Amino acid sequence: MLSESSRLVYGDELITATELNQQPGRVLDLAMEHPVTIIRNDQHFALLRREDMALWVKAATLSLNVFELTAAAYRLRLGEAISSEHPYQWLKVFDSEELSELIAELEKAYRLAESEPGAWTLIEIIIHEWHESAIALYSPELAAAFSDEFDEVLLTPPQLEIN
């Protein structure tokens, strides 16, 4: 028998392999509406739309990334070290307050994941933007360019020539 969590994920629609063989069109119509569990002997198979499966895989992958990134940020805030091989070692360039901001942004976006379709994309964007900021902060060339005030040239509006 399926657990309650399995019922929530796959729905209450249980189809036997025989039913699938006898009425494939009806079973596929059901799978268009919600995931279906097909039972053969003591094995359970999920039948669902490819887009739904892609979203679940993305959600699982990003959930793991959010957990690992948040854990690394918390460790750094506590003064603990993370290795230079750690996938989120780039967090080292941020101070405690900035790490708190990152954690808050991720938590807020993660809470939206259940109700907002674009939340997973927002999480990807947040991680990407913070990573790009870390690269910019870590780069001595970019730091020098941002702090160089002597070669600053003000932009002027373009002049249109009418003939």
Protein backbone atom coordinates (compact mmCIF):
# COMPACT_ATOMS: atom_id res chain seq x y z
CA MET A 1 0.00 0.00 0.00
CA LEU A 2 1.21 3.52 -0.82
CA SER A 3 2.12 5.89 1.98
CA GLU A 4 0.22 9.16 2.49
CA SER A 5 3.10 11.20 1.08
CA SER A 6 3.10 9.05 -2.06
CA ARG A 7 -0.62 9.69 -2.46
CA LEU A 8 -0.02 13.44 -2.23
CA VAL A 9 2.72 13.30 -4.85
CA TYR A 10 1.09 10.94 -7.31
CA GLY A 11 -2.59 11.48 -6.57
CA ASP A 12 -5.17 8.93 -5.53
CA GLU A 13 -5.50 7.51 -9.02
CA LEU A 14 -4.21 3.94 -8.95
CA ILE A 15 -4.30 2.04 -12.22
CA THR A 16 -3.40 -1.59 -12.74
CA ALA A 17 -1.16 -2.64 -15.62
CA THR A 18 -4.15 -4.52 -17.04
CA GLU A 19 -6.26 -1.33 -17.06
CA LEU A 20 -3.41 0.48 -18.81
CA ASN A 21 -3.29 -2.22 -21.50
CA GLN A 22 -7.08 -2.23 -21.95
CA GLN A 23 -7.69 1.55 -21.83
CA PRO A 24 -4.47 3.38 -22.69
CA GLY A 25 -6.30 6.49 -23.95
CA ARG A 26 -8.27 6.92 -20.74
CA VAL A 27 -5.14 6.44 -18.61
CA LEU A 28 -3.22 9.01 -20.67
CA ASP A 29 -6.14 11.44 -20.33
CA LEU A 30 -5.98 11.00 -16.55
CA ALA A 31 -2.20 11.56 -16.61
CA MET A 32 -2.77 14.85 -18.45
CA GLU A 33 -4.75 16.09 -15.43
CA HIS A 34 -2.56 14.71 -12.64
CA PRO A 35 0.06 12.02 -12.07
CA VAL A 36 -1.14 8.42 -12.09
CA THR A 37 0.34 5.42 -10.30
CA ILE A 38 0.40 2.22 -12.34
CA ILE A 39 0.62 -0.96 -10.32
CA ARG A 40 2.09 -4.19 -11.67
CA ASN A 41 2.66 -6.99 -9.17
CA ASP A 42 4.32 -5.26 -6.22
CA GLN A 43 5.86 -2.50 -8.33
CA HIS A 44 4.62 1.08 -8.66
CA PHE A 45 5.27 3.29 -11.69
CA ALA A 46 4.54 6.99 -12.10
CA LEU A 47 2.94 8.27 -15.25
CA LEU A 48 2.96 12.03 -15.56
CA ARG A 49 3.55 14.82 -18.04
CA ARG A 50 7.17 15.41 -18.98
CA GLU A 51 6.90 19.10 -18.00
CA ASP A 52 5.79 18.10 -14.49
CA MET A 53 8.69 15.69 -14.15
CA ALA A 54 11.15 18.34 -15.36
CA LEU A 55 9.81 20.75 -12.74
CA TRP A 56 10.15 18.12 -9.99
CA VAL A 57 13.74 17.38 -11.00
CA LYS A 58 14.52 21.10 -11.09
CA ALA A 59 12.89 21.56 -7.68
CA ALA A 60 14.86 18.68 -6.17
CA THR A 61 18.15 19.91 -7.64
CA LEU A 62 17.61 23.52 -6.60
CA SER A 63 16.42 22.48 -3.15
CA LEU A 64 19.71 20.68 -2.61
CA ASN A 65 21.63 23.71 -3.93
CA VAL A 66 19.72 26.07 -1.62
CA PHE A 67 20.39 23.79 1.35
CA GLU A 68 24.12 23.49 0.60
CA LEU A 69 24.52 27.21 -0.13
CA THR A 70 22.60 28.23 2.99
CA ALA A 71 24.56 25.79 5.15
CA ALA A 72 27.85 27.18 3.80
CA ALA A 73 26.67 30.76 4.41
CA TYR A 74 25.69 29.92 8.00
CA ARG A 75 29.05 28.24 8.61
CA LEU A 76 30.89 31.29 7.32
CA ARG A 77 28.73 33.59 9.47
CA LEU A 78 29.73 31.52 12.50
CA GLY A 79 33.39 31.95 11.62
CA GLU A 80 33.91 28.39 10.47
CA ALA A 81 36.06 27.64 7.45
CA ILE A 82 34.97 25.96 4.25
CA SER A 83 37.50 24.36 1.92
CA SER A 84 38.63 25.97 -1.31
CA GLU A 85 37.15 22.94 -3.12
CA HIS A 86 33.69 23.60 -1.68
CA PRO A 87 31.21 24.43 -4.49
CA TYR A 88 30.18 27.59 -2.65
CA GLN A 89 33.64 28.73 -1.56
CA TRP A 90 32.90 31.97 -3.44
CA LEU A 91 30.74 32.99 -0.46
CA LYS A 92 33.96 33.77 1.44
CA VAL A 93 34.13 37.24 -0.14
CA PHE A 94 30.96 38.37 1.66
CA ASP A 95 30.80 39.66 5.22
CA SER A 96 28.34 38.40 7.82
CA GLU A 97 25.69 41.01 7.03
CA GLU A 98 25.82 40.25 3.30
CA LEU A 99 25.55 36.53 3.98
CA SER A 100 22.47 37.23 6.10
CA GLU A 101 20.96 39.14 3.17
CA LEU A 102 21.64 36.23 0.83
CA ILE A 103 20.09 33.74 3.23
CA ALA A 104 17.00 35.94 3.65
CA GLU A 105 16.59 36.32 -0.13
CA LEU A 106 16.85 32.58 -0.67
CA GLU A 107 14.44 31.75 2.16
CA LYS A 108 11.87 34.22 0.83
CA ALA A 109 12.09 32.82 -2.71
CA TYR A 110 12.06 29.23 -1.45
CA ARG A 111 8.84 29.84 0.49
CA LEU A 112 7.20 30.99 -2.77
CA ALA A 113 8.15 27.78 -4.58
CA GLU A 114 4.94 25.98 -3.69
CA SER A 115 2.61 28.77 -4.79
CA GLU A 116 4.48 30.71 -7.48
CA PRO A 117 5.36 29.01 -10.77
CA GLY A 118 8.40 31.25 -11.38
CA ALA A 119 9.91 30.82 -7.92
CA TRP A 120 12.43 28.18 -9.02
CA THR A 121 13.68 30.51 -11.74
CA LEU A 122 13.90 33.31 -9.16
CA ILE A 123 16.05 31.06 -6.96
CA GLU A 124 18.37 30.38 -9.91
CA ILE A 125 18.61 34.12 -10.59
CA ILE A 126 19.38 34.94 -6.96
CA ILE A 127 22.18 32.36 -6.82
CA HIS A 128 23.55 33.51 -10.18
CA GLU A 129 23.54 37.20 -9.23
CA TRP A 130 25.25 36.60 -5.88
CA HIS A 131 27.83 34.40 -7.60
CA GLU A 132 28.51 37.10 -10.20
CA SER A 133 28.85 39.68 -7.40
CA ALA A 134 31.36 37.43 -5.65
CA ILE A 135 33.39 37.15 -8.85
CA ALA A 136 33.37 40.93 -9.21
CA LEU A 137 34.42 41.45 -5.58
CA TYR A 138 37.15 38.83 -5.82
CA SER A 139 38.64 40.18 -9.04
CA PRO A 140 41.43 42.68 -8.38
CA GLU A 141 41.05 44.08 -11.91
CA LEU A 142 37.35 44.79 -11.43
CA ALA A 143 37.94 46.21 -7.96
CA ALA A 144 40.57 48.59 -9.41
CA ALA A 145 38.25 49.59 -12.24
CA PHE A 146 35.39 50.33 -9.86
CA SER A 147 37.58 52.40 -7.56
CA ASP A 148 39.40 54.32 -10.31
CA GLU A 149 38.06 57.86 -10.29
CA PHE A 150 40.80 59.50 -12.38
CA ASP A 151 39.88 58.01 -15.74
CA GLU A 152 36.18 58.53 -15.27
CA VAL A 153 34.54 60.02 -18.34
CA LEU A 154 31.05 61.43 -18.11
CA LEU A 155 28.67 60.40 -20.82
CA THR A 156 26.94 63.09 -22.82
CA PRO A 157 23.80 62.76 -24.89
CA PRO A 158 24.51 61.96 -28.55
CA GLN A 159 24.36 64.84 -31.05
CA LEU A 160 22.04 64.20 -33.98
CA GLU A 161 23.07 65.63 -37.31
CA ILE A 162 20.27 66.44 -39.69
CA ASN A 163 21.19 66.93 -43.34
